[in-house]
N, C-alpha and C. Protein backbone atom coordinates (compact mmCIF):
# COMPACT_ATOMS: atom_id res chain seq x y z
N MET A 1 25.55 16.08 -9.22
CA MET A 1 24.94 15.63 -8.25
C MET A 1 25.27 16.27 -6.70
N LYS A 2 24.35 16.54 -5.88
CA LYS A 2 24.69 17.20 -4.65
C LYS A 2 25.25 16.37 -3.74
N ASN A 3 26.22 17.07 -2.93
CA ASN A 3 26.74 16.22 -1.92
C ASN A 3 25.81 15.99 -0.41
N ILE A 4 25.54 14.82 -0.11
CA ILE A 4 24.48 14.69 0.84
C ILE A 4 25.20 14.00 2.05
N ASN A 5 25.17 14.60 3.33
CA ASN A 5 25.70 13.66 4.41
C ASN A 5 24.80 13.75 5.48
N ILE A 6 24.46 12.55 5.91
CA ILE A 6 23.30 12.53 6.80
C ILE A 6 24.08 12.43 8.25
N LEU A 7 23.55 13.62 8.89
CA LEU A 7 24.28 13.71 10.29
C LEU A 7 23.62 13.14 11.36
N ASN A 8 22.17 12.97 11.39
CA ASN A 8 21.47 12.26 12.54
C ASN A 8 20.39 11.66 11.79
N THR A 9 19.65 10.55 12.46
CA THR A 9 18.49 10.27 12.06
C THR A 9 18.04 9.73 13.65
N GLN A 10 16.69 10.48 13.82
CA GLN A 10 15.85 10.13 14.87
C GLN A 10 14.33 9.49 14.70
N ILE A 11 14.31 8.41 15.21
CA ILE A 11 12.96 7.76 15.21
C ILE A 11 11.82 8.50 15.96
N LEU A 12 10.94 9.04 15.32
CA LEU A 12 9.89 9.94 16.00
C LEU A 12 8.64 8.94 16.47
N SER A 13 8.24 8.05 15.62
CA SER A 13 7.41 6.89 15.82
C SER A 13 7.49 5.83 15.19
N ASP A 14 7.32 4.56 15.67
CA ASP A 14 7.44 3.25 14.87
C ASP A 14 6.10 2.46 15.36
N ASN A 15 4.93 3.23 15.57
CA ASN A 15 3.68 2.46 16.19
C ASN A 15 3.18 1.68 14.84
N TRP A 16 2.87 2.39 13.69
CA TRP A 16 2.20 1.83 12.58
C TRP A 16 3.26 1.44 11.60
N TYR A 17 4.00 2.35 11.10
CA TYR A 17 5.32 2.29 10.35
C TYR A 17 6.10 3.23 10.91
N THR A 18 7.21 3.69 9.97
CA THR A 18 8.37 4.38 10.76
C THR A 18 8.46 5.84 10.46
N LEU A 19 8.28 6.62 11.34
CA LEU A 19 8.35 8.09 10.91
C LEU A 19 9.97 8.75 11.71
N LYS A 20 10.47 9.17 10.63
CA LYS A 20 11.80 9.49 11.15
C LYS A 20 12.17 11.00 10.95
N LYS A 21 12.89 11.55 11.64
CA LYS A 21 13.60 13.18 11.51
C LYS A 21 15.00 12.86 11.14
N VAL A 22 15.24 13.47 9.69
CA VAL A 22 16.67 13.15 9.49
C VAL A 22 17.39 14.66 9.36
N THR A 23 18.41 14.52 9.94
CA THR A 23 19.26 16.03 10.08
C THR A 23 20.56 15.63 8.78
N PHE A 24 20.67 16.48 7.71
CA PHE A 24 21.55 16.27 6.94
C PHE A 24 22.28 17.55 6.44
N GLU A 25 23.58 17.53 6.02
CA GLU A 25 24.06 18.54 5.41
C GLU A 25 23.96 18.28 3.54
N MET A 26 23.71 19.29 3.15
CA MET A 26 23.71 19.55 1.66
C MET A 26 24.44 20.53 1.08
N SER A 27 25.13 20.16 -0.10
CA SER A 27 25.60 21.16 -0.98
C SER A 27 24.66 21.71 -1.90
N GLY A 28 24.48 23.04 -2.18
CA GLY A 28 23.82 23.55 -3.00
C GLY A 28 24.35 23.75 -4.41
N MET A 29 23.56 24.10 -5.48
CA MET A 29 24.12 24.24 -6.79
C MET A 29 25.13 25.22 -6.92
N ASP A 30 25.34 26.07 -5.88
CA ASP A 30 26.36 27.03 -5.82
C ASP A 30 27.54 26.65 -4.85
N GLY A 31 27.61 25.52 -4.35
CA GLY A 31 28.48 25.01 -3.69
C GLY A 31 28.41 25.26 -2.28
N ALA A 32 27.50 26.08 -1.69
CA ALA A 32 27.23 26.43 -0.37
C ALA A 32 26.66 25.17 0.46
N LYS A 33 27.06 24.88 1.58
CA LYS A 33 26.63 23.79 2.46
C LYS A 33 25.59 24.14 3.37
N SER A 34 24.42 23.37 3.51
CA SER A 34 23.19 24.03 4.31
C SER A 34 23.00 22.65 5.34
N VAL A 35 22.64 23.06 6.53
CA VAL A 35 22.13 21.79 7.29
C VAL A 35 20.55 21.72 7.37
N LEU A 36 20.07 20.69 7.08
CA LEU A 36 18.54 20.81 6.95
C LEU A 36 17.98 19.53 7.58
N GLU A 37 16.57 19.74 8.04
CA GLU A 37 15.90 18.53 8.83
C GLU A 37 14.74 18.41 8.01
N ARG A 38 14.40 17.32 7.92
CA ARG A 38 12.99 16.72 7.24
C ARG A 38 12.53 15.55 7.73
N GLU A 39 11.49 15.32 7.84
CA GLU A 39 10.88 14.27 8.46
C GLU A 39 10.06 13.35 7.12
N THR A 40 10.48 12.03 7.52
CA THR A 40 10.18 11.15 6.30
C THR A 40 9.33 10.05 7.04
N TYR A 41 8.46 9.40 6.30
CA TYR A 41 7.42 8.24 6.82
C TYR A 41 7.84 7.02 5.88
N ASP A 42 8.34 6.07 6.55
CA ASP A 42 8.51 4.63 5.77
C ASP A 42 7.52 3.85 5.85
N ARG A 43 6.91 3.40 5.11
CA ARG A 43 5.81 2.35 5.13
C ARG A 43 5.98 1.18 4.04
N GLY A 44 7.34 1.26 3.49
CA GLY A 44 7.64 0.07 2.79
C GLY A 44 7.18 0.50 1.31
N ASN A 45 7.58 -0.35 0.26
CA ASN A 45 7.07 -0.06 -1.02
C ASN A 45 5.78 -0.78 -1.55
N GLY A 46 5.08 -0.37 -2.37
CA GLY A 46 3.74 -1.16 -2.81
C GLY A 46 3.65 -1.12 -4.25
N ALA A 47 2.62 -2.02 -4.63
CA ALA A 47 1.80 -2.12 -6.03
C ALA A 47 0.68 -1.90 -6.11
N THR A 48 0.21 -1.37 -7.33
CA THR A 48 -1.00 -1.33 -7.48
C THR A 48 -1.53 -1.96 -8.83
N ILE A 49 -2.59 -1.95 -9.37
CA ILE A 49 -3.15 -2.38 -10.53
C ILE A 49 -4.62 -2.08 -10.94
N LEU A 50 -4.82 -1.94 -12.44
CA LEU A 50 -5.88 -1.60 -12.76
C LEU A 50 -6.35 -2.94 -13.70
N LEU A 51 -7.43 -3.63 -13.30
CA LEU A 51 -7.97 -4.72 -13.97
C LEU A 51 -9.12 -4.23 -15.10
N TYR A 52 -8.80 -4.71 -16.18
CA TYR A 52 -9.58 -4.16 -17.32
C TYR A 52 -10.19 -5.43 -18.31
N ASN A 53 -11.27 -5.28 -18.76
CA ASN A 53 -12.07 -5.97 -19.24
C ASN A 53 -12.15 -5.39 -20.94
N LYS A 54 -11.57 -5.79 -21.82
CA LYS A 54 -11.83 -5.22 -23.17
C LYS A 54 -12.89 -5.60 -23.75
N GLU A 55 -13.52 -6.67 -23.71
CA GLU A 55 -14.72 -7.08 -24.27
C GLU A 55 -15.89 -6.43 -23.77
N ALA A 56 -16.00 -6.34 -22.42
CA ALA A 56 -17.02 -5.84 -21.65
C ALA A 56 -17.01 -4.04 -21.37
N LYS A 57 -15.69 -3.74 -21.71
CA LYS A 57 -15.27 -2.19 -21.47
C LYS A 57 -15.41 -1.87 -20.18
N THR A 58 -15.01 -2.62 -19.04
CA THR A 58 -15.27 -2.20 -17.71
C THR A 58 -13.98 -2.66 -17.08
N VAL A 59 -13.99 -2.07 -15.98
CA VAL A 59 -12.55 -2.02 -14.85
C VAL A 59 -13.07 -2.49 -13.64
N VAL A 60 -12.35 -2.89 -12.79
CA VAL A 60 -12.46 -3.34 -11.46
C VAL A 60 -11.90 -2.47 -10.56
N LEU A 61 -12.55 -1.73 -9.68
CA LEU A 61 -11.77 -0.76 -8.76
C LEU A 61 -12.61 -1.13 -7.16
N THR A 62 -12.03 -0.80 -6.13
CA THR A 62 -12.55 -1.07 -5.05
C THR A 62 -12.86 0.22 -4.47
N ARG A 63 -13.63 0.31 -3.04
CA ARG A 63 -14.35 1.38 -2.24
C ARG A 63 -13.90 0.97 -1.11
N GLN A 64 -13.13 1.68 -0.20
CA GLN A 64 -12.68 1.41 1.20
C GLN A 64 -12.54 2.69 2.32
N PHE A 65 -12.54 2.55 3.24
CA PHE A 65 -12.43 3.83 4.17
C PHE A 65 -10.93 3.85 4.35
N ARG A 66 -10.81 5.47 4.32
CA ARG A 66 -9.24 5.96 4.45
C ARG A 66 -9.49 7.07 5.25
N MET A 67 -9.06 6.91 6.58
CA MET A 67 -8.83 7.82 7.71
C MET A 67 -8.20 9.15 7.48
N PRO A 68 -6.94 9.28 6.89
CA PRO A 68 -6.45 10.43 6.41
C PRO A 68 -7.43 11.24 5.47
N THR A 69 -7.98 10.74 4.54
CA THR A 69 -8.98 11.43 3.77
C THR A 69 -10.30 12.16 4.52
N PHE A 70 -10.59 11.51 5.68
CA PHE A 70 -11.75 11.70 6.33
C PHE A 70 -11.24 12.96 7.15
N ILE A 71 -10.10 13.16 7.95
CA ILE A 71 -9.60 14.00 8.71
C ILE A 71 -9.14 15.20 7.71
N ASN A 72 -9.20 15.16 6.37
CA ASN A 72 -8.88 16.24 5.37
C ASN A 72 -9.94 16.65 4.54
N GLY A 73 -11.37 16.55 5.09
CA GLY A 73 -12.44 17.04 4.41
C GLY A 73 -13.23 15.94 3.47
N ASN A 74 -12.88 14.61 3.49
CA ASN A 74 -13.74 13.71 2.64
C ASN A 74 -14.99 13.11 3.71
N ASP A 75 -16.06 13.93 3.25
CA ASP A 75 -17.20 13.64 4.39
C ASP A 75 -17.46 11.96 4.58
N THR A 76 -17.43 11.17 3.85
CA THR A 76 -17.35 9.57 4.28
C THR A 76 -16.18 9.04 4.61
N GLY A 77 -15.04 9.37 4.04
CA GLY A 77 -14.10 9.06 4.19
C GLY A 77 -13.49 7.51 3.43
N TYR A 78 -14.47 7.65 2.40
CA TYR A 78 -14.38 6.22 1.43
C TYR A 78 -13.66 6.67 0.40
N LEU A 79 -12.87 5.96 -0.45
CA LEU A 79 -12.30 6.58 -1.74
C LEU A 79 -12.61 5.07 -2.74
N ILE A 80 -12.66 5.64 -3.86
CA ILE A 80 -12.61 4.57 -5.02
C ILE A 80 -11.35 4.51 -5.60
N GLU A 81 -10.82 3.08 -5.40
CA GLU A 81 -9.35 2.92 -5.67
C GLU A 81 -9.13 1.76 -6.70
N CYS A 82 -7.99 1.76 -7.25
CA CYS A 82 -7.40 0.66 -7.74
C CYS A 82 -7.05 -0.38 -6.57
N CYS A 83 -6.89 -1.70 -7.01
CA CYS A 83 -6.45 -2.50 -5.89
C CYS A 83 -5.15 -2.15 -5.72
N ALA A 84 -4.50 -2.35 -4.20
CA ALA A 84 -2.96 -2.08 -4.04
C ALA A 84 -2.74 -3.00 -2.69
N GLY A 85 -1.69 -2.85 -2.33
CA GLY A 85 -0.88 -3.26 -1.23
C GLY A 85 0.55 -3.16 -1.09
N LEU A 86 0.92 -3.45 0.16
CA LEU A 86 2.30 -3.13 0.29
C LEU A 86 3.04 -4.54 -0.07
N LEU A 87 4.48 -4.33 -0.46
CA LEU A 87 5.09 -5.41 -1.06
C LEU A 87 5.40 -6.45 0.23
N ASP A 88 5.65 -6.19 1.36
CA ASP A 88 6.16 -6.99 2.32
C ASP A 88 7.27 -7.34 1.92
N GLN A 89 7.55 -8.88 2.05
CA GLN A 89 8.59 -9.56 1.63
C GLN A 89 8.63 -10.04 -0.02
N ASP A 90 7.52 -9.82 -0.69
CA ASP A 90 7.38 -10.19 -1.73
C ASP A 90 7.94 -9.09 -2.83
N ASN A 91 8.25 -9.59 -4.07
CA ASN A 91 8.57 -8.81 -5.13
C ASN A 91 7.18 -8.22 -5.61
N ALA A 92 7.23 -7.08 -6.43
CA ALA A 92 6.24 -6.54 -6.94
C ALA A 92 4.96 -7.14 -7.58
N GLU A 93 5.31 -7.94 -8.47
CA GLU A 93 4.33 -8.77 -9.37
C GLU A 93 3.78 -9.90 -8.26
N ASP A 94 4.70 -10.59 -7.47
CA ASP A 94 3.89 -11.43 -6.52
C ASP A 94 2.86 -10.83 -5.67
N CYS A 95 3.40 -9.68 -4.96
CA CYS A 95 2.49 -8.64 -4.43
C CYS A 95 1.05 -8.39 -4.84
N ILE A 96 1.19 -7.93 -6.23
CA ILE A 96 0.08 -7.45 -6.94
C ILE A 96 -1.04 -8.60 -7.25
N LYS A 97 -0.32 -9.71 -7.65
CA LYS A 97 -1.44 -10.98 -7.83
C LYS A 97 -1.95 -11.40 -6.58
N ARG A 98 -1.36 -11.61 -5.46
CA ARG A 98 -1.68 -11.67 -4.14
C ARG A 98 -2.75 -10.66 -3.62
N GLU A 99 -2.62 -9.30 -3.64
CA GLU A 99 -3.49 -8.27 -3.24
C GLU A 99 -4.78 -8.34 -4.11
N THR A 100 -4.53 -8.69 -5.69
CA THR A 100 -5.62 -8.60 -6.42
C THR A 100 -6.62 -9.87 -6.02
N GLU A 101 -6.08 -11.00 -5.55
CA GLU A 101 -7.01 -11.95 -5.05
C GLU A 101 -7.69 -11.72 -4.00
N GLU A 102 -6.93 -11.40 -2.82
CA GLU A 102 -7.39 -11.06 -1.61
C GLU A 102 -8.46 -9.93 -1.67
N GLU A 103 -8.20 -8.69 -2.34
CA GLU A 103 -9.12 -7.50 -2.36
C GLU A 103 -10.26 -7.87 -3.47
N THR A 104 -10.13 -8.40 -4.52
CA THR A 104 -11.06 -8.52 -5.94
C THR A 104 -11.82 -9.74 -5.92
N GLY A 105 -11.08 -10.90 -5.45
CA GLY A 105 -11.53 -12.22 -5.62
C GLY A 105 -11.04 -12.72 -7.28
N PHE A 106 -10.41 -11.83 -7.80
CA PHE A 106 -10.01 -12.44 -9.20
C PHE A 106 -8.35 -12.77 -8.87
N ARG A 107 -8.26 -13.98 -9.57
CA ARG A 107 -6.99 -14.67 -9.63
C ARG A 107 -6.50 -14.37 -11.13
N ILE A 108 -5.23 -13.50 -10.86
CA ILE A 108 -4.84 -12.93 -12.21
C ILE A 108 -3.30 -13.45 -12.44
N ASP A 109 -3.10 -14.39 -13.50
CA ASP A 109 -1.76 -15.08 -13.63
C ASP A 109 -0.72 -14.26 -14.45
N LYS A 110 -1.25 -13.17 -15.33
CA LYS A 110 -0.26 -12.45 -16.33
C LYS A 110 -0.75 -10.95 -16.15
N VAL A 111 0.28 -10.06 -15.53
CA VAL A 111 0.09 -8.47 -15.23
C VAL A 111 1.50 -8.22 -15.88
N GLU A 112 1.15 -6.91 -16.37
CA GLU A 112 2.01 -6.14 -16.83
C GLU A 112 2.62 -4.88 -16.29
N LYS A 113 3.76 -4.71 -15.81
CA LYS A 113 4.31 -3.65 -15.50
C LYS A 113 4.29 -2.41 -16.31
N VAL A 114 3.89 -1.36 -15.86
CA VAL A 114 3.57 -0.23 -16.90
C VAL A 114 4.72 1.24 -16.37
N PHE A 115 4.90 1.04 -15.14
CA PHE A 115 5.59 2.12 -14.76
C PHE A 115 5.89 2.14 -12.89
N GLU A 116 6.96 3.14 -12.79
CA GLU A 116 6.67 3.04 -11.00
C GLU A 116 7.01 4.39 -10.64
N ALA A 117 6.49 4.73 -9.47
CA ALA A 117 6.53 6.18 -9.04
C ALA A 117 6.52 6.61 -7.67
N TYR A 118 7.22 7.47 -7.36
CA TYR A 118 7.12 8.05 -5.99
C TYR A 118 5.83 8.94 -5.84
N MET A 119 5.02 8.49 -5.00
CA MET A 119 3.52 9.12 -4.87
C MET A 119 3.65 10.62 -3.88
N SER A 120 4.42 10.51 -2.97
CA SER A 120 4.43 11.94 -2.16
C SER A 120 5.94 12.04 -1.69
N PRO A 121 6.86 12.39 -2.59
CA PRO A 121 8.32 12.18 -2.44
C PRO A 121 8.76 13.47 -1.33
N GLY A 122 7.91 14.30 -0.84
CA GLY A 122 8.56 15.24 -0.07
C GLY A 122 8.48 14.90 1.40
N SER A 123 8.10 13.55 1.57
CA SER A 123 7.85 13.16 2.82
C SER A 123 7.47 11.73 3.20
N VAL A 124 7.15 10.81 2.18
CA VAL A 124 6.90 9.59 2.32
C VAL A 124 7.91 8.77 1.29
N THR A 125 8.48 7.62 1.72
CA THR A 125 9.65 7.14 1.04
C THR A 125 9.27 6.07 -0.07
N GLU A 126 7.93 5.56 0.02
CA GLU A 126 7.13 4.61 -0.70
C GLU A 126 7.63 4.83 -2.22
N LEU A 127 8.01 3.65 -2.88
CA LEU A 127 7.82 3.70 -4.33
C LEU A 127 6.82 2.57 -4.84
N LEU A 128 5.86 3.06 -5.72
CA LEU A 128 4.79 2.21 -6.05
C LEU A 128 5.04 1.81 -7.57
N TYR A 129 4.86 0.42 -7.53
CA TYR A 129 4.76 -0.12 -8.91
C TYR A 129 3.39 -0.43 -9.45
N PHE A 130 3.31 -0.01 -10.62
CA PHE A 130 2.11 0.12 -11.33
C PHE A 130 1.92 -1.08 -12.51
N PHE A 131 0.74 -1.59 -12.35
CA PHE A 131 0.63 -2.71 -13.12
C PHE A 131 -0.93 -2.64 -14.01
N VAL A 132 -1.25 -3.37 -15.02
CA VAL A 132 -2.37 -3.64 -15.71
C VAL A 132 -2.61 -4.97 -15.88
N ALA A 133 -3.70 -5.49 -16.13
CA ALA A 133 -4.04 -6.68 -16.34
C ALA A 133 -5.34 -6.97 -16.79
N ALA A 134 -5.60 -7.78 -18.07
CA ALA A 134 -6.99 -8.30 -18.37
C ALA A 134 -7.53 -9.06 -17.38
N TYR A 135 -8.93 -9.05 -17.04
CA TYR A 135 -9.56 -10.00 -16.39
C TYR A 135 -10.90 -10.59 -17.12
N SER A 136 -11.53 -11.73 -16.76
CA SER A 136 -12.55 -11.87 -17.34
C SER A 136 -13.47 -12.62 -16.14
N ASN A 137 -14.76 -12.86 -16.32
CA ASN A 137 -15.59 -13.40 -15.09
C ASN A 137 -15.01 -14.62 -14.57
N GLU A 138 -14.53 -15.53 -15.83
CA GLU A 138 -13.99 -16.72 -15.31
C GLU A 138 -12.80 -16.88 -14.47
N MET A 139 -12.11 -15.66 -14.11
CA MET A 139 -11.00 -15.60 -13.17
C MET A 139 -11.57 -15.26 -11.67
N LYS A 140 -12.84 -15.03 -11.66
CA LYS A 140 -13.49 -14.94 -10.37
C LYS A 140 -13.42 -16.12 -9.46
N LEU A 141 -12.49 -16.07 -8.28
CA LEU A 141 -12.82 -17.18 -7.44
C LEU A 141 -13.81 -16.95 -6.34
N HIS A 142 -13.69 -15.73 -5.67
CA HIS A 142 -14.87 -15.61 -4.54
C HIS A 142 -14.95 -14.11 -4.56
N ASP A 143 -16.10 -13.65 -3.65
CA ASP A 143 -16.19 -12.09 -3.63
C ASP A 143 -15.05 -10.96 -3.29
N GLY A 144 -14.00 -11.48 -2.86
CA GLY A 144 -13.22 -10.27 -2.69
C GLY A 144 -13.36 -9.42 -1.22
N GLY A 145 -13.10 -8.66 -1.25
CA GLY A 145 -13.36 -7.69 0.00
C GLY A 145 -12.15 -7.64 1.06
N GLY A 146 -11.18 -8.06 0.80
CA GLY A 146 -9.67 -8.13 1.69
C GLY A 146 -9.90 -9.17 2.93
N LEU A 147 -8.94 -9.19 3.74
CA LEU A 147 -8.76 -9.89 4.76
C LEU A 147 -9.12 -9.52 6.09
N GLN A 148 -10.07 -10.31 6.61
CA GLN A 148 -10.81 -9.74 8.12
C GLN A 148 -9.66 -9.90 8.94
N GLU A 149 -8.55 -10.60 8.93
CA GLU A 149 -7.29 -10.40 10.08
C GLU A 149 -6.72 -8.90 10.10
N GLU A 150 -6.67 -8.54 8.59
CA GLU A 150 -6.21 -7.03 8.33
C GLU A 150 -7.15 -6.04 8.77
N ASN A 151 -8.50 -6.54 9.08
CA ASN A 151 -9.57 -5.50 9.37
C ASN A 151 -9.68 -4.75 7.94
N GLU A 152 -9.65 -5.44 6.87
CA GLU A 152 -9.95 -5.06 5.66
C GLU A 152 -11.49 -5.28 5.31
N ASP A 153 -12.31 -4.07 4.86
CA ASP A 153 -13.74 -4.10 4.61
C ASP A 153 -13.84 -3.26 3.38
N ILE A 154 -13.45 -4.27 2.03
CA ILE A 154 -13.22 -3.50 0.82
C ILE A 154 -14.52 -4.07 -0.14
N GLU A 155 -15.28 -2.83 -0.91
CA GLU A 155 -16.06 -3.28 -1.68
C GLU A 155 -15.68 -3.33 -3.12
N VAL A 156 -15.98 -4.14 -3.89
CA VAL A 156 -15.57 -4.47 -5.25
C VAL A 156 -16.51 -4.05 -6.00
N LEU A 157 -15.88 -3.16 -7.07
CA LEU A 157 -16.76 -2.33 -8.10
C LEU A 157 -16.40 -2.67 -9.33
N GLU A 158 -17.29 -3.24 -10.40
CA GLU A 158 -17.04 -3.21 -11.71
C GLU A 158 -17.87 -2.19 -12.27
N ILE A 159 -16.92 -1.37 -13.11
CA ILE A 159 -17.46 -0.16 -13.39
C ILE A 159 -17.09 -0.04 -14.91
N PRO A 160 -18.02 0.40 -15.87
CA PRO A 160 -17.73 0.71 -17.11
C PRO A 160 -16.41 1.88 -17.21
N PHE A 161 -15.61 1.48 -18.34
CA PHE A 161 -14.31 2.29 -18.25
C PHE A 161 -14.76 3.70 -18.59
N GLU A 162 -15.78 4.18 -19.30
CA GLU A 162 -16.34 5.29 -19.74
C GLU A 162 -16.47 6.09 -18.49
N LYS A 163 -17.45 5.48 -17.65
CA LYS A 163 -18.06 5.70 -16.34
C LYS A 163 -16.86 6.23 -15.52
N ALA A 164 -15.87 5.44 -15.35
CA ALA A 164 -14.78 5.63 -14.57
C ALA A 164 -13.99 6.94 -14.70
N LEU A 165 -13.76 7.30 -16.04
CA LEU A 165 -13.08 8.32 -16.70
C LEU A 165 -14.12 9.44 -16.20
N GLU A 166 -15.28 9.46 -16.38
CA GLU A 166 -16.05 10.53 -15.96
C GLU A 166 -16.30 10.82 -14.41
N MET A 167 -16.10 9.68 -13.61
CA MET A 167 -15.91 9.88 -12.13
C MET A 167 -14.83 10.45 -11.73
N MET A 168 -13.77 10.29 -12.71
CA MET A 168 -12.37 10.90 -12.23
C MET A 168 -12.36 12.29 -12.62
N LYS A 169 -13.03 12.82 -13.62
CA LYS A 169 -13.26 14.19 -13.98
C LYS A 169 -14.27 15.02 -13.01
N SER A 170 -15.29 14.18 -12.30
CA SER A 170 -16.19 14.79 -11.55
C SER A 170 -15.75 14.97 -10.12
N GLY A 171 -14.59 14.26 -9.97
CA GLY A 171 -13.99 14.41 -8.50
C GLY A 171 -14.68 12.89 -7.67
N GLU A 172 -15.48 12.33 -8.47
CA GLU A 172 -15.67 11.06 -7.66
C GLU A 172 -14.75 9.99 -7.18
N ILE A 173 -13.88 10.09 -8.14
CA ILE A 173 -12.60 9.25 -8.08
C ILE A 173 -11.43 10.39 -8.00
N LYS A 174 -10.98 10.43 -6.62
CA LYS A 174 -10.05 11.39 -6.66
C LYS A 174 -8.26 10.59 -5.95
N ASP A 175 -8.16 9.23 -6.16
CA ASP A 175 -6.97 8.70 -5.45
C ASP A 175 -6.04 8.77 -6.77
N GLY A 176 -4.90 9.29 -6.44
CA GLY A 176 -4.03 9.39 -7.22
C GLY A 176 -3.26 8.35 -8.19
N LYS A 177 -3.04 7.41 -7.42
CA LYS A 177 -2.64 6.06 -8.26
C LYS A 177 -3.85 5.49 -9.41
N THR A 178 -5.10 5.72 -8.88
CA THR A 178 -6.04 5.15 -9.84
C THR A 178 -6.27 6.24 -11.05
N ILE A 179 -6.18 7.35 -10.63
CA ILE A 179 -6.23 8.52 -11.65
C ILE A 179 -4.92 8.07 -12.72
N MET A 180 -4.09 7.83 -12.27
CA MET A 180 -2.76 7.59 -13.38
C MET A 180 -2.97 6.12 -14.06
N LEU A 181 -3.49 5.39 -13.36
CA LEU A 181 -3.89 4.08 -14.36
C LEU A 181 -5.02 4.24 -15.02
N LEU A 182 -6.01 4.81 -14.79
CA LEU A 182 -7.13 5.21 -15.90
C LEU A 182 -6.66 6.03 -16.74
N GLN A 183 -5.77 7.03 -16.73
CA GLN A 183 -5.38 7.76 -17.62
C GLN A 183 -4.35 6.90 -18.66
N TYR A 184 -3.40 6.18 -17.93
CA TYR A 184 -2.75 5.22 -18.79
C TYR A 184 -3.67 4.23 -19.76
N ALA A 185 -4.57 3.79 -19.00
CA ALA A 185 -5.48 3.04 -19.88
C ALA A 185 -5.90 3.64 -21.20
N GLN A 186 -6.36 4.92 -20.87
CA GLN A 186 -6.85 5.72 -21.91
C GLN A 186 -5.99 6.31 -22.85
N LEU A 187 -4.97 6.52 -22.43
CA LEU A 187 -3.84 7.16 -23.50
C LEU A 187 -3.30 5.94 -24.46
N ASN A 188 -3.02 4.81 -23.58
CA ASN A 188 -2.65 3.38 -24.41
C ASN A 188 -3.58 2.68 -25.15
N GLU A 189 -4.91 3.14 -25.09
CA GLU A 189 -6.22 2.83 -25.74
C GLU A 189 -6.38 1.17 -25.30
N LEU A 190 -6.36 0.79 -24.04
CA LEU A 190 -6.42 -0.50 -23.56
C LEU A 190 -7.78 -1.14 -23.75
N MET A 191 -8.79 -0.31 -24.15
CA MET A 191 -10.07 -0.84 -24.09
C MET A 191 -10.55 -1.11 -25.71
N ARG A 192 -9.68 -0.66 -26.64
CA ARG A 192 -9.64 -1.14 -27.94
C ARG A 192 -9.32 -2.57 -28.58
């Protein structure tokens, strides 16, 4: 293990989430010590889920506007994604059940955690918990779309699983968490 000593933490912004500049001393593999600076963006941890229907061979995804993608060349700014949300004060399972109902309109009682991952560990502190859950039309309570008070404007998409895989390959789906869960579903044969 490398010896790490945090020397200073400066808050650069706390407007939406917290952007910090951290100065630290670290011992390298050769034992030499270096003083380094890194910026870290702390937005809390999150959870994401792939809803799948084995009989219909479909998945439920969402489409919503993402400003960072727009300013980085996504012409419309819209991404097709798995349902996701920040934990806030909830545990990951309670969070994803709440977000699923808010965003998609489906009330899911049974979810399966499949893994967890840091999505951008070079700069973002977020740890994302990944879930899958079977769904049926009987679980649909409302149209979904997110919460108006959170300015969410989410389109709910029910897509054949094979088409979702094609959309991933063509680049129509380019959200990392969604690609990971679609590949998980394919590798683990969730549709069989």
